[in-house]
Protein backbone atom coordinates (compact mmCIF):
# COMPACT_ATOMS: atom_id res chain seq x y z
CA LYS A 1 6.19 -6.39 -12.47
CA THR A 2 6.42 -6.16 -9.04
CA ILE A 3 5.26 -8.33 -5.74
CA VAL A 4 5.75 -5.55 -2.32
CA PRO A 5 5.11 -7.75 0.88
CA VAL A 6 3.45 -5.59 3.11
CA LYS A 7 4.37 -7.25 6.36
CA LEU A 8 8.06 -6.51 6.01
CA ALA A 9 6.91 -2.86 6.71
CA LEU A 10 5.87 -3.77 10.12
CA TYR A 11 7.85 -3.84 12.90
CA GLU A 12 7.27 -5.73 16.19
CA GLY A 13 3.38 -4.36 17.50
CA ASP A 14 3.95 -1.48 15.11
CA ARG A 15 0.60 -0.92 12.79
CA LEU A 16 0.78 0.94 9.26
CA VAL A 17 -1.23 4.18 9.72
CA SER A 18 1.92 6.84 8.44
CA ARG A 19 2.81 8.41 4.83
CA SER A 20 5.86 8.02 5.53
CA GLN A 21 5.59 4.08 6.14
CA ALA A 22 4.13 4.25 3.07
CA ARG A 23 6.56 6.11 1.36
CA ARG A 24 8.97 3.51 3.15
CA ILE A 25 7.45 0.49 1.12
CA LEU A 26 6.91 2.63 -2.15
CA ASN A 27 10.73 3.14 -2.70
CA ARG A 28 11.79 1.98 -6.24
CA VAL A 29 8.37 0.52 -7.32
CA GLU A 30 8.41 3.49 -10.02
CA LYS A 31 10.96 1.52 -11.35
CA PHE A 32 8.43 -0.93 -12.48
CA ARG A 33 5.09 -0.46 -14.65
CA TYR A 34 3.31 -3.58 -12.49
CA VAL A 35 2.89 -3.13 -8.67
CA ILE A 36 1.19 -5.89 -6.67
CA PHE A 37 1.27 -5.04 -2.53
CA ASP A 38 0.37 -8.20 -0.93
CA PHE A 39 -1.05 -7.58 2.42
CA ASP A 40 -1.10 -11.03 3.81
CA SER A 41 -0.92 -11.20 7.43
CA VAL A 42 -1.48 -7.58 7.61
CA ASP A 43 -4.69 -6.74 9.79
CA SER A 44 -5.44 -2.84 9.47
CA ILE A 45 -3.58 0.22 7.79
CA GLY A 46 -4.19 3.35 8.75
CA GLN A 47 -6.34 6.26 6.19
CA ALA A 48 -2.60 8.25 6.13
CA PHE A 49 -0.81 5.04 5.08
CA ALA A 50 -4.08 4.23 2.25
CA ASP A 51 -4.35 7.70 1.17
CA GLU A 52 -0.37 7.71 0.00
CA VAL A 53 -0.22 4.30 -1.29
CA PHE A 54 -3.22 4.30 -3.63
CA ARG A 55 -4.31 8.16 -3.94
CA VAL A 56 -0.87 10.41 -4.11
CA PHE A 57 1.63 7.57 -5.45
CA ALA A 58 -0.96 6.60 -8.25
CA THR A 59 -2.18 10.15 -9.07
CA ALA A 60 2.14 10.74 -9.09
CA HIS A 61 2.52 7.48 -11.32
CA PRO A 62 -0.76 7.15 -13.67
CA HIS A 63 1.44 4.40 -16.22
CA ILE A 64 1.28 2.35 -13.08
CA VAL A 65 -1.13 -0.55 -12.29
CA ILE A 66 -1.54 -0.80 -8.69
CA GLU A 67 -2.94 -3.88 -6.85
CA ALA A 68 -3.62 -5.12 -3.95
CA VAL A 69 -4.17 -8.95 -2.44
CA ASN A 70 -4.50 -10.78 0.38
CA ALA A 71 -6.18 -8.19 1.99
CA VAL A 72 -8.58 -8.51 4.98
CA GLU A 73 -11.93 -6.33 4.95
CA ASN A 74 -11.02 -3.84 7.20
CA VAL A 75 -7.73 -3.45 4.58
CA GLU A 76 -10.43 -3.34 1.51
CA LYS A 77 -12.10 -0.45 3.28
CA MET A 78 -9.35 1.56 3.71
CA ILE A 79 -8.39 1.48 -0.24
CA LYS A 80 -11.54 1.81 -1.44
CA ARG A 81 -12.20 4.45 0.69
CA ALA A 82 -8.35 6.28 -0.62
CA LYS A 83 -9.90 4.99 -4.10
CA SER A 84 -12.89 7.82 -3.96
């Protein structure tokens, strides 16, 4: 089990919108069976970012449980959109 603080991927004034940013936070999480992404202090994420984490990575690693916590409404909407 690991907790990934997503806000650490934010650079000053930057937004989490790209697949490359998503791949950066996904680095080495495949070694765990349970991954919690903590979206504390993250106001929004882009569609490509959400898709890479919650669809592409999740599909490629079905044995890993992925959970998102502390997500604001905008972030939750993007996550749900990527999962569907």
